[in-house]
Structures are given as structure tokens and as C-alpha cells.
Amino acid sequence: MSTSVLIGIPDLLFSSKVNAVARQQGIPVVATFTKHDLLSKAHGETPSMLILDLNADALAPLESVAAMKSDPHTRGIAVVGFQTRIDETLRTSAEEAGCDLVLSRSQFIEALPDILSGKLLKR
């Protein structure tokens, strides 16, 4: 992927891991910490992907994903959501909101290089 990746990951240690892998692949990362900021940057930065912590209440993850997927300008942005612990209800809700891929946090870290390169996203 050649364009930027938008991340909504309030945990700074975890977001730094994502930044490190993205930097290795030459992918610019744009961080966001609120729902308003996330939606604004999705419009302004035109990222190829959003990586979102589904447990980050400040980002209103399900509402944010649904808003992005219902907007013609941002609906093409791939959305990868991860959750701290396995919660099938949250997984289903995230998929219904429009997440293209939903993983546990450990699955996400393991697959991060392939996620960033676009190998795991079917479009």
C-alpha cells in the first residue's frame, strides 16, 4: 500500500508497535484519538486503511465505522478492527457496521505486516 494508514489506537505503546511496522514498510501513519478527529482525518487524509481499536470508547468505533461506510467519500477505506478480548457480539456488530476484518489483539499483532501490505483484505 502506498497511501497513509489512519489509526485509532489510544494505547500509545500499542500504537507505537503499529507505527514501527508501518515505518518498516514505508507507510505513513496518521493517528487519531476522538470520533470527530477520526472522521475528519478520514476525509482529509484519504487513507487507504483505518486500523481501529474496537474497545476505544472515545472513538465510538461502531458509530465511526458506520459513518465512514455510509459516506461515498470514505466508504472505500478498508477498516480493520481489533478487540482486546474475544467478544463475539462485538465482532458481529463491528462486521455489521462495516469492518472489513475483525481480529483479536493478538491475531492483529501477528498479522500486522500482512494487514498493512493489504494481503489480508479482500476487496
N, C-alpha and C. Protein backbone atom coordinates (compact mmCIF):
# COMPACT_ATOMS: atom_id res chain seq x y z
N MET A 1 0.84 -1.17 0.00
CA MET A 1 0.00 0.00 0.00
C MET A 1 0.88 1.23 0.00
N SER A 2 0.50 2.21 -0.77
CA SER A 2 1.35 3.37 -0.89
C SER A 2 0.80 4.58 -0.16
N THR A 3 -0.47 4.61 0.18
CA THR A 3 -1.02 5.77 0.85
C THR A 3 -0.98 5.56 2.36
N SER A 4 -1.43 6.57 3.07
CA SER A 4 -1.34 6.52 4.53
C SER A 4 -2.35 5.56 5.15
N VAL A 5 -2.07 5.24 6.40
CA VAL A 5 -2.95 4.43 7.22
C VAL A 5 -3.38 5.27 8.40
N LEU A 6 -4.66 5.35 8.64
CA LEU A 6 -5.22 6.07 9.77
C LEU A 6 -5.37 5.08 10.91
N ILE A 7 -4.88 5.45 12.09
CA ILE A 7 -5.04 4.54 13.23
C ILE A 7 -5.80 5.23 14.36
N GLY A 8 -6.71 4.49 14.92
CA GLY A 8 -7.46 4.91 16.10
C GLY A 8 -7.12 3.95 17.22
N ILE A 9 -5.96 4.19 17.84
CA ILE A 9 -5.45 3.31 18.89
C ILE A 9 -4.96 4.18 20.04
N PRO A 10 -5.78 4.39 21.05
CA PRO A 10 -5.39 5.26 22.16
C PRO A 10 -4.20 4.75 22.99
N ASP A 11 -4.00 3.44 23.04
CA ASP A 11 -2.88 2.88 23.79
C ASP A 11 -1.58 3.23 23.07
N LEU A 12 -0.79 4.12 23.65
CA LEU A 12 0.40 4.63 22.96
C LEU A 12 1.46 3.56 22.72
N LEU A 13 1.60 2.63 23.64
CA LEU A 13 2.57 1.56 23.43
C LEU A 13 2.15 0.69 22.24
N PHE A 14 0.88 0.38 22.17
CA PHE A 14 0.37 -0.45 21.09
C PHE A 14 0.43 0.30 19.75
N SER A 15 0.07 1.57 19.77
CA SER A 15 0.13 2.35 18.52
C SER A 15 1.57 2.51 18.05
N SER A 16 2.52 2.55 18.98
CA SER A 16 3.93 2.65 18.56
C SER A 16 4.38 1.36 17.86
N LYS A 17 3.83 0.22 18.26
CA LYS A 17 4.13 -1.04 17.56
C LYS A 17 3.63 -0.98 16.12
N VAL A 18 2.42 -0.47 15.95
CA VAL A 18 1.86 -0.34 14.61
C VAL A 18 2.70 0.63 13.78
N ASN A 19 3.07 1.75 14.39
CA ASN A 19 3.92 2.73 13.70
C ASN A 19 5.24 2.12 13.26
N ALA A 20 5.85 1.32 14.12
CA ALA A 20 7.15 0.71 13.79
C ALA A 20 7.05 -0.21 12.58
N VAL A 21 6.02 -1.05 12.54
CA VAL A 21 5.84 -1.97 11.40
C VAL A 21 5.51 -1.18 10.14
N ALA A 22 4.67 -0.16 10.27
CA ALA A 22 4.33 0.66 9.11
C ALA A 22 5.58 1.38 8.58
N ARG A 23 6.39 1.89 9.46
CA ARG A 23 7.62 2.58 9.05
C ARG A 23 8.54 1.64 8.27
N GLN A 24 8.63 0.37 8.73
CA GLN A 24 9.44 -0.63 8.02
C GLN A 24 8.94 -0.84 6.60
N GLN A 25 7.64 -0.68 6.41
CA GLN A 25 7.05 -0.88 5.08
C GLN A 25 6.93 0.43 4.29
N GLY A 26 7.39 1.53 4.89
CA GLY A 26 7.34 2.82 4.21
C GLY A 26 5.94 3.40 4.11
N ILE A 27 5.10 3.08 5.08
CA ILE A 27 3.71 3.54 5.06
C ILE A 27 3.54 4.64 6.10
N PRO A 28 3.11 5.83 5.69
CA PRO A 28 2.85 6.89 6.67
C PRO A 28 1.62 6.57 7.52
N VAL A 29 1.70 6.92 8.79
CA VAL A 29 0.62 6.67 9.74
C VAL A 29 0.10 8.01 10.25
N VAL A 30 -1.22 8.12 10.31
CA VAL A 30 -1.88 9.30 10.86
C VAL A 30 -2.70 8.83 12.05
N ALA A 31 -2.39 9.37 13.23
CA ALA A 31 -3.08 8.95 14.46
C ALA A 31 -4.29 9.84 14.73
N THR A 32 -5.28 9.25 15.37
CA THR A 32 -6.49 9.98 15.75
C THR A 32 -6.96 9.45 17.10
N PHE A 33 -7.58 10.33 17.90
CA PHE A 33 -7.95 9.93 19.25
C PHE A 33 -9.39 10.24 19.64
N THR A 34 -10.16 10.87 18.74
CA THR A 34 -11.58 11.12 19.01
C THR A 34 -12.39 10.77 17.76
N LYS A 35 -13.68 10.58 17.95
CA LYS A 35 -14.55 10.25 16.82
C LYS A 35 -14.53 11.37 15.78
N HIS A 36 -14.66 12.60 16.23
CA HIS A 36 -14.68 13.73 15.31
C HIS A 36 -13.37 13.81 14.52
N ASP A 37 -12.26 13.66 15.21
CA ASP A 37 -10.95 13.71 14.58
C ASP A 37 -10.79 12.56 13.58
N LEU A 38 -11.27 11.38 13.95
CA LEU A 38 -11.18 10.22 13.07
C LEU A 38 -11.92 10.49 11.76
N LEU A 39 -13.15 10.94 11.85
CA LEU A 39 -13.95 11.19 10.65
C LEU A 39 -13.37 12.33 9.82
N SER A 40 -12.88 13.36 10.49
CA SER A 40 -12.27 14.48 9.79
C SER A 40 -11.01 14.06 9.03
N LYS A 41 -10.17 13.28 9.68
CA LYS A 41 -8.94 12.83 9.03
C LYS A 41 -9.22 11.80 7.94
N ALA A 42 -10.26 11.01 8.10
CA ALA A 42 -10.63 10.07 7.04
C ALA A 42 -10.98 10.83 5.77
N HIS A 43 -11.63 11.98 5.93
CA HIS A 43 -11.97 12.81 4.77
C HIS A 43 -10.74 13.54 4.24
N GLY A 44 -9.97 14.13 5.13
CA GLY A 44 -8.87 14.98 4.72
C GLY A 44 -7.63 14.26 4.25
N GLU A 45 -7.29 13.17 4.89
CA GLU A 45 -6.06 12.45 4.58
C GLU A 45 -6.25 11.44 3.45
N THR A 46 -7.47 11.02 3.22
CA THR A 46 -7.80 9.97 2.26
C THR A 46 -6.89 8.75 2.43
N PRO A 47 -6.93 8.14 3.63
CA PRO A 47 -6.09 6.96 3.86
C PRO A 47 -6.62 5.75 3.09
N SER A 48 -5.74 4.78 2.93
CA SER A 48 -6.17 3.54 2.26
C SER A 48 -6.80 2.59 3.27
N MET A 49 -6.49 2.82 4.56
CA MET A 49 -6.94 1.89 5.59
C MET A 49 -7.12 2.62 6.91
N LEU A 50 -8.08 2.15 7.69
CA LEU A 50 -8.26 2.57 9.07
C LEU A 50 -8.04 1.34 9.94
N ILE A 51 -7.16 1.48 10.92
CA ILE A 51 -6.96 0.43 11.92
C ILE A 51 -7.55 0.98 13.21
N LEU A 52 -8.49 0.24 13.78
CA LEU A 52 -9.29 0.79 14.87
C LEU A 52 -9.39 -0.17 16.05
N ASP A 53 -9.12 0.36 17.23
CA ASP A 53 -9.32 -0.38 18.48
C ASP A 53 -10.81 -0.36 18.78
N LEU A 54 -11.45 -1.48 18.68
CA LEU A 54 -12.90 -1.57 18.87
C LEU A 54 -13.32 -1.37 20.32
N ASN A 55 -12.36 -1.35 21.24
CA ASN A 55 -12.66 -1.12 22.64
C ASN A 55 -12.39 0.33 23.05
N ALA A 56 -12.05 1.19 22.12
CA ALA A 56 -11.71 2.59 22.40
C ALA A 56 -12.98 3.44 22.39
N ASP A 57 -13.59 3.59 23.55
CA ASP A 57 -14.87 4.31 23.65
C ASP A 57 -14.80 5.73 23.11
N ALA A 58 -13.69 6.43 23.29
CA ALA A 58 -13.57 7.82 22.84
C ALA A 58 -13.71 7.94 21.33
N LEU A 59 -13.45 6.86 20.62
CA LEU A 59 -13.56 6.86 19.16
C LEU A 59 -14.93 6.43 18.66
N ALA A 60 -15.79 6.01 19.57
CA ALA A 60 -17.11 5.48 19.20
C ALA A 60 -16.96 4.59 17.97
N PRO A 61 -16.20 3.49 18.12
CA PRO A 61 -15.79 2.69 16.97
C PRO A 61 -16.91 2.24 16.04
N LEU A 62 -17.97 1.70 16.57
CA LEU A 62 -19.03 1.19 15.70
C LEU A 62 -19.74 2.33 14.96
N GLU A 63 -19.99 3.43 15.66
CA GLU A 63 -20.61 4.59 15.02
C GLU A 63 -19.68 5.17 13.96
N SER A 64 -18.40 5.25 14.27
CA SER A 64 -17.43 5.81 13.33
C SER A 64 -17.33 4.98 12.06
N VAL A 65 -17.27 3.67 12.23
CA VAL A 65 -17.18 2.78 11.06
C VAL A 65 -18.45 2.91 10.22
N ALA A 66 -19.60 2.89 10.87
CA ALA A 66 -20.86 3.01 10.13
C ALA A 66 -20.93 4.34 9.39
N ALA A 67 -20.48 5.42 10.02
CA ALA A 67 -20.48 6.73 9.37
C ALA A 67 -19.55 6.74 8.16
N MET A 68 -18.37 6.14 8.30
CA MET A 68 -17.43 6.09 7.18
C MET A 68 -17.98 5.27 6.02
N LYS A 69 -18.57 4.13 6.33
CA LYS A 69 -19.06 3.24 5.28
C LYS A 69 -20.33 3.76 4.61
N SER A 70 -21.01 4.69 5.24
CA SER A 70 -22.21 5.26 4.62
C SER A 70 -21.90 6.54 3.83
N ASP A 71 -20.68 7.02 3.91
CA ASP A 71 -20.26 8.24 3.21
C ASP A 71 -19.55 7.86 1.91
N PRO A 72 -20.02 8.33 0.78
CA PRO A 72 -19.40 7.97 -0.50
C PRO A 72 -17.91 8.32 -0.58
N HIS A 73 -17.50 9.38 0.12
CA HIS A 73 -16.09 9.80 0.08
C HIS A 73 -15.17 8.86 0.86
N THR A 74 -15.68 8.19 1.89
CA THR A 74 -14.83 7.36 2.75
C THR A 74 -15.19 5.88 2.72
N ARG A 75 -16.23 5.50 2.02
CA ARG A 75 -16.66 4.09 2.07
C ARG A 75 -15.63 3.13 1.51
N GLY A 76 -14.73 3.59 0.66
CA GLY A 76 -13.71 2.72 0.08
C GLY A 76 -12.51 2.48 0.97
N ILE A 77 -12.46 3.14 2.11
CA ILE A 77 -11.35 2.94 3.04
C ILE A 77 -11.54 1.59 3.73
N ALA A 78 -10.54 0.74 3.64
CA ALA A 78 -10.60 -0.56 4.32
C ALA A 78 -10.54 -0.33 5.83
N VAL A 79 -11.36 -1.05 6.58
CA VAL A 79 -11.39 -0.90 8.04
C VAL A 79 -11.02 -2.22 8.69
N VAL A 80 -9.96 -2.17 9.49
CA VAL A 80 -9.52 -3.33 10.27
C VAL A 80 -9.74 -2.98 11.73
N GLY A 81 -10.56 -3.78 12.39
CA GLY A 81 -10.82 -3.57 13.80
C GLY A 81 -10.23 -4.70 14.61
N PHE A 82 -9.75 -4.35 15.80
CA PHE A 82 -9.28 -5.40 16.71
C PHE A 82 -9.89 -5.15 18.08
N GLN A 83 -10.01 -6.22 18.82
CA GLN A 83 -10.59 -6.15 20.16
C GLN A 83 -9.63 -6.76 21.17
N THR A 84 -9.64 -6.20 22.36
CA THR A 84 -8.74 -6.65 23.41
C THR A 84 -8.99 -8.09 23.79
N ARG A 85 -10.22 -8.44 23.94
CA ARG A 85 -10.57 -9.82 24.28
C ARG A 85 -11.65 -10.29 23.31
N ILE A 86 -11.75 -11.58 23.15
CA ILE A 86 -12.72 -12.13 22.21
C ILE A 86 -14.13 -11.84 22.72
N ASP A 87 -14.90 -11.19 21.90
CA ASP A 87 -16.29 -10.87 22.21
C ASP A 87 -17.06 -11.02 20.90
N GLU A 88 -17.76 -12.12 20.77
CA GLU A 88 -18.46 -12.41 19.51
C GLU A 88 -19.54 -11.38 19.20
N THR A 89 -20.18 -10.83 20.22
CA THR A 89 -21.19 -9.80 19.98
C THR A 89 -20.55 -8.57 19.37
N LEU A 90 -19.40 -8.15 19.92
CA LEU A 90 -18.69 -7.00 19.37
C LEU A 90 -18.19 -7.30 17.96
N ARG A 91 -17.70 -8.50 17.74
CA ARG A 91 -17.23 -8.89 16.40
C ARG A 91 -18.36 -8.76 15.38
N THR A 92 -19.50 -9.32 15.71
CA THR A 92 -20.66 -9.27 14.81
C THR A 92 -21.10 -7.83 14.57
N SER A 93 -21.17 -7.05 15.63
CA SER A 93 -21.57 -5.64 15.50
C SER A 93 -20.60 -4.86 14.64
N ALA A 94 -19.31 -5.13 14.80
CA ALA A 94 -18.28 -4.44 14.01
C ALA A 94 -18.40 -4.81 12.53
N GLU A 95 -18.63 -6.08 12.26
CA GLU A 95 -18.80 -6.51 10.87
C GLU A 95 -20.05 -5.89 10.25
N GLU A 96 -21.13 -5.84 11.03
CA GLU A 96 -22.36 -5.23 10.55
C GLU A 96 -22.19 -3.73 10.30
N ALA A 97 -21.35 -3.07 11.12
CA ALA A 97 -21.09 -1.64 10.95
C ALA A 97 -20.26 -1.37 9.70
N GLY A 98 -19.49 -2.39 9.26
CA GLY A 98 -18.71 -2.22 8.04
C GLY A 98 -17.24 -2.56 8.14
N CYS A 99 -16.79 -3.11 9.26
CA CYS A 99 -15.39 -3.53 9.37
C CYS A 99 -15.12 -4.62 8.33
N ASP A 100 -14.03 -4.47 7.61
CA ASP A 100 -13.66 -5.45 6.60
C ASP A 100 -12.97 -6.66 7.22
N LEU A 101 -12.34 -6.44 8.37
CA LEU A 101 -11.62 -7.51 9.06
C LEU A 101 -11.67 -7.21 10.55
N VAL A 102 -12.05 -8.20 11.35
CA VAL A 102 -12.11 -8.05 12.80
C VAL A 102 -11.29 -9.17 13.43
N LEU A 103 -10.33 -8.79 14.27
CA LEU A 103 -9.42 -9.75 14.88
C LEU A 103 -9.29 -9.49 16.37
N SER A 104 -8.78 -10.50 17.08
CA SER A 104 -8.39 -10.26 18.46
C SER A 104 -7.09 -9.47 18.42
N ARG A 105 -6.72 -8.88 19.52
CA ARG A 105 -5.49 -8.08 19.57
C ARG A 105 -4.26 -8.92 19.22
N SER A 106 -4.19 -10.13 19.73
CA SER A 106 -3.02 -10.98 19.45
C SER A 106 -2.99 -11.40 17.98
N GLN A 107 -4.14 -11.72 17.40
CA GLN A 107 -4.20 -12.06 15.98
C GLN A 107 -3.77 -10.86 15.13
N PHE A 108 -4.21 -9.69 15.56
CA PHE A 108 -3.88 -8.47 14.84
C PHE A 108 -2.36 -8.25 14.80
N ILE A 109 -1.71 -8.35 15.95
CA ILE A 109 -0.26 -8.13 16.01
C ILE A 109 0.47 -9.16 15.15
N GLU A 110 0.04 -10.39 15.21
CA GLU A 110 0.68 -11.44 14.42
C GLU A 110 0.54 -11.18 12.92
N ALA A 111 -0.60 -10.67 12.50
CA ALA A 111 -0.87 -10.46 11.08
C ALA A 111 -0.56 -9.05 10.59
N LEU A 112 -0.07 -8.18 11.47
CA LEU A 112 0.11 -6.77 11.13
C LEU A 112 0.89 -6.52 9.84
N PRO A 113 2.02 -7.16 9.60
CA PRO A 113 2.72 -6.89 8.34
C PRO A 113 1.86 -7.20 7.10
N ASP A 114 1.12 -8.30 7.16
CA ASP A 114 0.25 -8.67 6.03
C ASP A 114 -0.96 -7.74 5.93
N ILE A 115 -1.44 -7.27 7.07
CA ILE A 115 -2.57 -6.32 7.04
C ILE A 115 -2.13 -5.03 6.37
N LEU A 116 -0.99 -4.50 6.79
CA LEU A 116 -0.50 -3.24 6.24
C LEU A 116 -0.18 -3.34 4.75
N SER A 117 0.27 -4.50 4.32
CA SER A 117 0.59 -4.67 2.90
C SER A 117 -0.66 -4.93 2.06
N GLY A 118 -1.79 -5.15 2.73
CA GLY A 118 -3.05 -5.38 2.02
C GLY A 118 -3.31 -6.83 1.67
N LYS A 119 -2.44 -7.73 2.08
CA LYS A 119 -2.59 -9.14 1.72
C LYS A 119 -3.81 -9.82 2.33
N LEU A 120 -4.25 -9.33 3.49
CA LEU A 120 -5.37 -9.99 4.17
C LEU A 120 -6.73 -9.39 3.85
N LEU A 121 -6.74 -8.31 3.10
CA LEU A 121 -8.01 -7.65 2.80
C LEU A 121 -8.46 -8.01 1.41
N LYS A 122 -9.62 -8.60 1.33
CA LYS A 122 -10.21 -8.95 0.03
C LYS A 122 -11.15 -7.83 -0.37
N ARG A 123 -10.97 -7.29 -1.53
CA ARG A 123 -11.80 -6.16 -1.96
C ARG A 123 -12.41 -6.46 -3.28
